[in-house]
Amino acid sequence: MSLTAAQAQRYRRHLLLPEVGPAGQAALGAAKVLLVGAGGLGAPAALYLAAAGVGTLGLVDHDRVDPSNLQRQLLFREGDVGRPKLAAAVDTLAEINPHVTVVPHDCWLRRENALELVGAYDLVLNGCDNFPTRYLLNDACHLAGRPCVDGSIYRFEGQVTVYETTAGGPCYRCRFPAPPPPGSVPSCAEAGVLGVLPGIVGSWQAAEAIKWILRRAGTANIELLVGRMLAFDVLAGEVLEFRYDRDPACPLCGDAPTVRELIDYDQFCNGSAAAPEASPRSLEISPADLAAKLAAGAECCLVDVRETWEWDLCRIGGALLAPLGELTAHLDRIPRDRLVVTYCHAGVRSMRALERLRAAGYEQVQSLAGGIEAWAQQIDPQVPRY
């Protein structure tokens, strides 16, 4: 594949690099990269992969642009709020580089479609933020023989690594054989994230993807982050490198694998963590069920465990404020003879509050599934979202 005069002009800074050159740029143009998620990590990665001239970008997402996305997802603009993320992304990437083909996959990654999606591309970039999808994507990439450039972010910290089991490298299961208990790791929606951090991590993911394409093309002997993880702490101003090895006992890529097909990842990540007498679902109440109880006049106590600034932004009528860190100081205000419903922004802190109340002897406690965010989406659109 030879470059046109217009392409040579566009990519001339690349062409000056011996590690890229015309052959490397042509390889980028012929490459197909799948981005799972067009959010905090997928957005900056897509921008730089398109600008670099990666020929085909597949985007997997089924969400709409929310105002809270604009703080970090520079793929979207104010006028995109409310639009499907894929439609907005296609428009923006076409403006950046009309020579790149963007293939929208308007769906969530599922067990039923993962192998087909992953197998249609050369390389996968993971931008998802939940454990079932992480394990699903890891397994699908191994089974399909595709490398995965993985990234994660939390508050001020981020990580980047590459899983390439076809080259003998470790996989995600080698690092994390078992998922953490449900609710133990807050999402960005719950814990927050510094807006610039996803840009750093997503851009580094894009760099690893480009390096992999160039290495495959043979234009340079490039070392990837296989068996290595970069950890960023932008608050402390630190970048650390950790090395980890393939686990011979790994059930997926080890010497005697037992995972030979995709499994039920929701059950894998959530099914084993519940106590026998109380499943996660029994500890939660849906917004619809709570609304029905309130409408029927049921006596229940709503306990808002968010911070004061969040309470000032929005609240559910009739709730009392008891921030999670101060919960025990408010026990005298929380009745023991009726249903107590804890809620937060997205449902993580409220589950922790539930555990603390149960430990304090409260027997009738449930957590609002999805928090006030789900309440605003499903029950009361007048409640401001953040």
Protein backbone atom coordinates (compact mmCIF):
# COMPACT_ATOMS: atom_id res chain seq x y z
CA MET A 1 0.00 0.00 0.00
CA SER A 2 1.60 3.25 -1.15
CA LEU A 3 0.80 6.65 0.31
CA THR A 4 -0.86 9.36 -1.74
CA ALA A 5 0.64 12.85 -1.91
CA ALA A 6 -2.07 14.10 0.46
CA GLN A 7 -1.34 11.31 2.94
CA ALA A 8 2.40 11.94 2.75
CA GLN A 9 1.76 15.58 3.62
CA ARG A 10 -0.60 14.72 6.46
CA TYR A 11 1.74 12.18 8.05
CA ARG A 12 5.10 13.72 7.23
CA ARG A 13 6.07 14.01 10.93
CA HIS A 14 5.56 10.24 11.15
CA LEU A 15 7.48 9.64 7.95
CA LEU A 16 10.52 11.36 9.42
CA LEU A 17 10.71 8.73 12.15
CA PRO A 18 12.79 5.71 11.10
CA GLU A 19 10.62 3.52 13.33
CA VAL A 20 7.57 4.51 11.26
CA GLY A 21 8.51 5.68 7.77
CA PRO A 22 6.32 4.97 4.73
CA ALA A 23 6.04 1.25 5.49
CA GLY A 24 4.93 1.85 9.06
CA GLN A 25 2.42 4.49 8.04
CA ALA A 26 1.01 2.15 5.42
CA ALA A 27 0.70 -0.52 8.12
CA LEU A 28 -1.22 1.89 10.31
CA GLY A 29 -3.56 2.60 7.41
CA ALA A 30 -4.22 -1.11 6.92
CA ALA A 31 -4.77 -1.86 10.61
CA LYS A 32 -8.10 -2.49 12.34
CA VAL A 33 -8.46 -1.57 16.01
CA LEU A 34 -11.51 -2.22 18.18
CA LEU A 35 -12.21 0.19 21.03
CA VAL A 36 -14.56 -1.20 23.67
CA GLY A 37 -16.15 1.88 25.19
CA ALA A 38 -16.19 5.43 23.90
CA GLY A 39 -15.90 6.99 27.34
CA GLY A 40 -13.04 8.32 29.44
CA LEU A 41 -10.36 6.05 27.94
CA GLY A 42 -11.88 5.27 24.56
CA ALA A 43 -12.44 8.94 23.71
CA PRO A 44 -8.79 10.14 23.83
CA ALA A 45 -7.55 6.87 22.34
CA ALA A 46 -9.94 7.22 19.40
CA LEU A 47 -8.82 10.81 18.78
CA TYR A 48 -5.14 9.90 18.57
CA LEU A 49 -5.61 6.65 16.66
CA ALA A 50 -7.67 8.50 14.05
CA ALA A 51 -5.14 11.32 13.85
CA ALA A 52 -2.34 8.75 13.46
CA GLY A 53 -4.08 7.25 10.43
CA VAL A 54 -5.18 3.88 11.77
CA GLY A 55 -7.34 2.77 8.86
CA THR A 56 -10.32 1.20 10.63
CA LEU A 57 -11.59 2.00 14.09
CA GLY A 58 -14.42 -0.05 15.56
CA LEU A 59 -16.30 1.57 18.44
CA VAL A 60 -18.45 -0.47 20.82
CA ASP A 61 -20.85 1.63 22.90
CA HIS A 62 -24.55 1.97 23.59
CA ASP A 63 -24.66 5.13 25.69
CA ARG A 64 -25.64 8.75 25.13
CA VAL A 65 -23.56 11.83 25.79
CA ASP A 66 -24.22 13.19 29.26
CA PRO A 67 -23.15 16.64 30.52
CA SER A 68 -20.88 14.94 33.07
CA ASN A 69 -18.89 13.38 30.19
CA LEU A 70 -17.66 16.75 28.93
CA GLN A 71 -15.23 17.20 31.83
CA ARG A 72 -12.92 14.54 30.39
CA GLN A 73 -14.27 12.98 27.16
CA LEU A 74 -12.97 15.47 24.59
CA LEU A 75 -14.44 13.45 21.75
CA PHE A 76 -17.75 15.19 22.54
CA ARG A 77 -18.97 18.79 22.63
CA GLU A 78 -21.79 20.68 24.30
CA GLY A 79 -23.98 20.25 21.24
CA ASP A 80 -23.59 16.46 21.48
CA VAL A 81 -25.36 16.18 24.85
CA GLY A 82 -28.24 13.75 24.49
CA ARG A 83 -26.93 12.25 21.24
CA PRO A 84 -25.78 8.63 20.99
CA LYS A 85 -22.08 8.55 21.68
CA LEU A 86 -21.39 6.58 18.52
CA ALA A 87 -23.08 9.13 16.27
CA ALA A 88 -21.20 11.99 17.90
CA ALA A 89 -17.92 10.07 17.73
CA VAL A 90 -18.32 9.28 14.03
CA ASP A 91 -18.86 12.96 13.26
CA THR A 92 -15.90 14.16 15.32
CA LEU A 93 -13.47 11.54 14.02
CA ALA A 94 -14.46 12.31 10.42
CA GLU A 95 -13.51 15.93 11.05
CA ILE A 96 -10.15 14.85 12.43
CA ASN A 97 -9.29 12.43 9.63
CA PRO A 98 -11.72 11.71 6.79
CA HIS A 99 -9.46 8.91 5.53
CA VAL A 100 -10.22 6.74 8.59
CA THR A 101 -13.16 4.34 8.50
CA VAL A 102 -15.13 4.36 11.76
CA VAL A 103 -17.34 1.33 12.31
CA PRO A 104 -19.96 1.90 15.02
CA HIS A 105 -21.16 -1.12 16.97
CA ASP A 106 -24.29 0.10 18.76
CA CYS A 107 -24.34 -2.50 21.52
CA TRP A 108 -22.73 -3.53 24.76
CA LEU A 109 -20.08 -6.22 24.67
CA ARG A 110 -21.82 -9.47 25.58
CA ARG A 111 -20.96 -13.12 25.76
CA GLU A 112 -23.04 -13.62 22.61
CA ASN A 113 -21.18 -11.08 20.45
CA ALA A 114 -17.69 -10.78 21.97
CA LEU A 115 -15.84 -13.37 19.91
CA GLU A 116 -17.30 -12.11 16.64
CA LEU A 117 -16.47 -8.49 17.42
CA VAL A 118 -12.97 -9.17 18.71
CA GLY A 119 -12.14 -11.57 15.89
CA ALA A 120 -12.94 -8.97 13.23
CA TYR A 121 -10.08 -6.70 14.35
CA ASP A 122 -6.31 -6.95 14.71
CA LEU A 123 -6.06 -5.42 18.15
CA VAL A 124 -8.43 -4.49 20.99
CA LEU A 125 -8.29 -1.48 23.30
CA ASN A 126 -10.21 -1.80 26.55
CA GLY A 127 -11.99 1.31 27.82
CA CYS A 128 -14.69 -0.33 29.95
CA ASP A 129 -15.07 0.29 33.67
CA ASN A 130 -16.73 -2.82 35.10
CA PHE A 131 -15.32 -6.19 36.08
CA PRO A 132 -17.68 -8.51 34.15
CA THR A 133 -16.73 -6.79 30.87
CA ARG A 134 -13.04 -6.83 31.76
CA TYR A 135 -13.03 -10.59 32.30
CA LEU A 136 -15.21 -11.13 29.24
CA LEU A 137 -12.93 -9.08 27.00
CA ASN A 138 -9.80 -10.70 28.41
CA ASP A 139 -11.13 -14.19 27.72
CA ALA A 140 -12.46 -13.27 24.27
CA CYS A 141 -9.10 -11.77 23.25
CA HIS A 142 -7.23 -14.89 24.35
CA LEU A 143 -9.66 -17.27 22.65
CA ALA A 144 -9.60 -15.19 19.45
CA GLY A 145 -5.82 -14.75 19.54
CA ARG A 146 -5.93 -10.96 19.76
CA PRO A 147 -3.85 -8.66 21.99
CA CYS A 148 -5.62 -6.31 24.39
CA VAL A 149 -4.31 -2.89 25.44
CA ASP A 150 -5.81 -2.43 28.89
CA GLY A 151 -6.26 0.74 30.91
CA SER A 152 -7.97 1.74 34.13
CA ILE A 153 -8.50 4.96 36.07
CA TYR A 154 -9.53 5.85 39.62
CA ARG A 155 -9.61 9.37 41.07
CA PHE A 156 -5.99 10.54 40.47
CA GLU A 157 -4.50 7.17 39.53
CA GLY A 158 -4.29 5.22 36.28
CA GLN A 159 -2.76 2.06 34.88
CA VAL A 160 -1.79 0.79 31.42
CA THR A 161 -0.64 -2.67 30.36
CA VAL A 162 -0.84 -5.02 27.35
CA TYR A 163 -2.16 -8.57 27.42
CA GLU A 164 -0.74 -10.62 24.55
CA THR A 165 -1.06 -14.30 25.34
CA THR A 166 -0.18 -15.38 21.80
CA ALA A 167 3.32 -14.07 22.53
CA GLY A 168 3.49 -15.92 25.84
CA GLY A 169 2.54 -12.94 27.95
CA PRO A 170 0.22 -12.98 30.96
CA CYS A 171 -3.49 -12.16 30.83
CA TYR A 172 -5.84 -10.27 33.12
CA ARG A 173 -6.67 -13.46 35.03
CA CYS A 174 -2.96 -13.93 35.80
CA ARG A 175 -3.09 -10.66 37.73
CA PHE A 176 -6.59 -11.06 39.14
CA PRO A 177 -7.63 -14.72 39.36
CA ALA A 178 -10.82 -13.74 41.19
CA PRO A 179 -12.88 -10.55 40.94
CA PRO A 180 -13.23 -8.28 43.98
CA PRO A 181 -16.44 -8.43 46.03
CA PRO A 182 -19.31 -6.50 44.39
CA GLY A 183 -19.36 -2.86 45.48
CA SER A 184 -15.84 -2.94 46.96
CA VAL A 185 -14.28 -0.91 44.14
CA PRO A 186 -16.11 2.36 43.37
CA SER A 187 -16.53 3.39 39.76
CA CYS A 188 -15.52 6.81 38.46
CA ALA A 189 -19.18 7.83 38.71
CA GLU A 190 -18.99 7.07 42.42
CA ALA A 191 -15.44 8.06 43.38
CA GLY A 192 -14.75 10.79 40.81
CA VAL A 193 -11.80 11.21 38.47
CA LEU A 194 -9.53 14.13 37.59
CA GLY A 195 -10.53 15.07 34.04
CA VAL A 196 -7.02 15.07 32.58
CA LEU A 197 -6.19 11.55 33.87
CA PRO A 198 -8.22 9.60 31.26
CA GLY A 199 -6.50 11.67 28.59
CA ILE A 200 -3.09 10.53 29.84
CA VAL A 201 -4.05 6.87 30.18
CA GLY A 202 -6.10 6.70 26.97
CA SER A 203 -3.32 8.39 25.00
CA TRP A 204 -0.79 5.89 26.33
CA GLN A 205 -3.11 3.08 25.32
CA ALA A 206 -3.19 4.57 21.82
CA ALA A 207 0.62 4.68 21.83
CA GLU A 208 0.82 0.99 22.74
CA ALA A 209 -1.64 0.14 19.97
CA ILE A 210 0.41 2.08 17.42
CA LYS A 211 3.61 0.42 18.64
CA TRP A 212 2.03 -3.02 18.27
CA ILE A 213 1.02 -2.25 14.67
CA LEU A 214 4.51 -0.99 13.84
CA ARG A 215 6.14 -4.02 15.46
CA ARG A 216 3.92 -6.36 13.48
CA ALA A 217 4.86 -4.50 10.30
CA GLY A 218 8.53 -5.05 11.12
CA THR A 219 9.49 -1.39 10.86
CA ALA A 220 11.05 -1.38 14.32
CA ASN A 221 12.01 -3.65 17.20
CA ILE A 222 9.64 -2.18 19.76
CA GLU A 223 9.05 -3.37 23.33
CA LEU A 224 5.45 -3.30 24.49
CA LEU A 225 3.99 -3.25 27.97
CA VAL A 226 3.55 -7.02 27.98
CA GLY A 227 4.13 -8.32 31.50
CA ARG A 228 4.69 -4.73 32.56
CA MET A 229 2.28 -2.20 33.98
CA LEU A 230 2.70 1.55 34.17
CA ALA A 231 0.97 3.15 37.14
CA PHE A 232 0.34 6.90 37.12
CA ASP A 233 -0.40 9.08 40.15
CA VAL A 234 -0.96 12.57 38.85
CA LEU A 235 -1.56 13.97 42.33
CA ALA A 236 1.82 12.78 43.58
CA GLY A 237 3.49 13.30 40.19
CA GLU A 238 4.74 9.71 40.04
CA VAL A 239 5.00 7.09 37.31
CA LEU A 240 5.92 3.60 38.47
CA GLU A 241 6.55 0.37 36.57
CA PHE A 242 5.51 -3.03 37.87
CA ARG A 243 6.38 -6.36 36.28
CA TYR A 244 4.24 -9.47 36.52
CA ASP A 245 4.51 -12.93 35.01
CA ARG A 246 2.22 -15.38 33.34
CA ASP A 247 0.66 -17.69 35.91
CA PRO A 248 1.19 -21.36 34.91
CA ALA A 249 -1.95 -22.16 36.94
CA CYS A 250 -4.08 -19.56 35.16
CA PRO A 251 -7.39 -21.19 34.16
CA LEU A 252 -7.33 -19.35 30.82
CA CYS A 253 -3.74 -19.10 29.54
CA GLY A 254 -1.95 -21.45 31.93
CA ASP A 255 -0.44 -24.84 31.31
CA ALA A 256 -3.71 -26.73 31.92
CA PRO A 257 -6.50 -24.30 31.00
CA THR A 258 -10.03 -25.00 32.16
CA VAL A 259 -11.69 -21.91 30.63
CA ARG A 260 -12.10 -22.88 26.98
CA GLU A 261 -15.20 -20.86 26.14
CA LEU A 262 -16.92 -17.71 27.30
CA ILE A 263 -18.84 -18.04 30.57
CA ASP A 264 -21.51 -16.10 32.48
CA TYR A 265 -19.40 -13.16 33.66
CA ASP A 266 -22.11 -11.47 35.72
CA GLN A 267 -22.43 -14.64 37.75
CA PHE A 268 -18.64 -15.04 37.90
CA CYS A 269 -18.16 -11.51 39.27
CA ASN A 270 -21.25 -11.27 41.46
CA GLY A 271 -22.48 -14.73 42.29
CA SER A 272 -19.87 -15.84 44.79
CA ALA A 273 -19.68 -12.74 46.95
CA ALA A 274 -23.07 -12.82 48.59
CA ALA A 275 -23.70 -14.36 51.97
CA PRO A 276 -25.91 -17.45 51.75
CA GLU A 277 -28.78 -15.83 53.60
CA ALA A 278 -28.80 -12.56 51.63
CA SER A 279 -28.15 -12.23 47.89
CA PRO A 280 -27.05 -8.84 46.48
CA ARG A 281 -30.46 -8.41 44.87
CA SER A 282 -32.30 -8.92 48.19
CA LEU A 283 -30.19 -6.16 49.73
CA GLU A 284 -31.16 -3.70 47.00
CA ILE A 285 -34.43 -2.03 46.12
CA SER A 286 -35.08 -0.74 42.63
CA PRO A 287 -36.14 2.88 42.05
CA ALA A 288 -39.51 1.65 40.76
CA ASP A 289 -40.16 -0.46 43.87
CA LEU A 290 -39.14 2.36 46.19
CA ALA A 291 -41.36 4.82 44.34
CA ALA A 292 -44.27 2.40 44.63
CA LYS A 293 -43.72 2.01 48.38
CA LEU A 294 -43.56 5.76 48.90
CA ALA A 295 -46.68 6.30 46.79
CA ALA A 296 -48.53 3.70 48.85
CA GLY A 297 -47.64 5.51 52.06
CA ALA A 298 -45.25 2.86 53.38
CA GLU A 299 -43.28 3.92 56.42
CA CYS A 300 -39.63 3.88 55.48
CA CYS A 301 -36.63 6.00 56.29
CA LEU A 302 -34.50 7.31 53.42
CA VAL A 303 -30.88 7.85 54.44
CA ASP A 304 -28.69 9.88 52.07
CA VAL A 305 -25.06 8.87 52.69
CA ARG A 306 -23.50 11.30 50.20
CA GLU A 307 -21.45 14.35 51.08
CA THR A 308 -23.02 17.70 51.99
CA TRP A 309 -22.12 19.29 48.65
CA GLU A 310 -23.93 16.49 46.83
CA TRP A 311 -26.96 16.90 49.11
CA ASP A 312 -27.02 20.60 48.23
CA LEU A 313 -27.09 19.73 44.49
CA CYS A 314 -30.05 17.35 44.70
CA ARG A 315 -31.85 14.97 47.03
CA ILE A 316 -34.87 12.71 47.30
CA GLY A 317 -37.68 14.35 49.23
CA GLY A 318 -38.04 13.26 52.84
CA ALA A 319 -34.52 11.85 53.18
CA LEU A 320 -32.17 12.59 56.03
CA LEU A 321 -28.49 13.36 55.43
CA ALA A 322 -25.94 11.08 57.09
CA PRO A 323 -22.63 11.10 55.14
CA LEU A 324 -21.01 7.68 55.08
CA GLY A 325 -17.98 8.81 57.08
CA GLU A 326 -20.25 10.15 59.83
CA LEU A 327 -22.92 7.44 59.71
CA THR A 328 -22.42 6.09 63.22
CA ALA A 329 -22.92 9.57 64.65
CA HIS A 330 -26.43 9.63 63.15
CA LEU A 331 -27.71 6.28 64.40
CA ASP A 332 -29.99 7.95 66.94
CA ARG A 333 -31.85 9.58 64.02
CA ILE A 334 -32.31 6.34 62.07
CA PRO A 335 -35.28 4.24 63.29
CA ARG A 336 -34.95 0.51 63.84
CA ASP A 337 -38.64 -0.37 63.59
CA ARG A 338 -39.16 0.31 59.88
CA LEU A 339 -37.49 -0.21 56.51
CA VAL A 340 -34.35 1.87 56.07
CA VAL A 341 -33.30 2.65 52.49
CA THR A 342 -29.79 4.00 52.02
CA TYR A 343 -28.84 5.81 48.85
CA CYS A 344 -25.84 7.60 47.36
CA HIS A 345 -24.91 8.72 43.85
CA ALA A 346 -24.62 5.38 42.08
CA GLY A 347 -25.04 2.67 44.73
CA VAL A 348 -21.57 1.85 46.07
CA ARG A 349 -21.47 3.96 49.23
CA SER A 350 -25.04 3.04 50.05
CA MET A 351 -24.11 -0.66 50.08
CA ARG A 352 -21.28 0.11 52.49
CA ALA A 353 -23.73 2.05 54.65
CA LEU A 354 -26.07 -0.93 54.55
CA GLU A 355 -23.30 -3.22 55.81
CA ARG A 356 -22.51 -0.83 58.66
CA LEU A 357 -26.16 -0.54 59.66
CA ARG A 358 -26.61 -4.31 59.61
CA ALA A 359 -23.49 -4.64 61.78
CA ALA A 360 -25.08 -2.14 64.19
CA GLY A 361 -28.14 -4.36 64.52
CA TYR A 362 -30.49 -2.94 61.88
CA GLU A 363 -32.50 -5.77 60.33
CA GLN A 364 -34.62 -3.95 57.75
CA VAL A 365 -32.13 -2.23 55.45
CA GLN A 366 -31.96 -1.99 51.66
CA SER A 367 -29.79 0.02 49.31
CA LEU A 368 -31.28 1.97 46.40
CA ALA A 369 -29.98 0.25 43.26
CA GLY A 370 -28.18 2.75 41.04
CA GLY A 371 -28.50 5.53 43.61
CA ILE A 372 -29.99 8.94 43.01
CA GLU A 373 -28.63 8.79 39.45
CA ALA A 374 -30.99 5.90 38.66
CA TRP A 375 -33.79 7.67 40.54
CA ALA A 376 -33.36 10.74 38.33
CA GLN A 377 -33.28 8.65 35.16
CA GLN A 378 -36.20 6.35 35.96
CA ILE A 379 -38.49 8.15 38.41
CA ASP A 380 -37.99 11.90 38.73
CA PRO A 381 -36.33 13.70 35.80
CA GLN A 382 -36.57 16.96 37.75
CA VAL A 383 -33.77 15.76 40.03
CA PRO A 384 -30.51 17.33 38.73
CA ARG A 385 -27.90 14.82 37.57
CA TYR A 386 -24.16 15.24 38.11
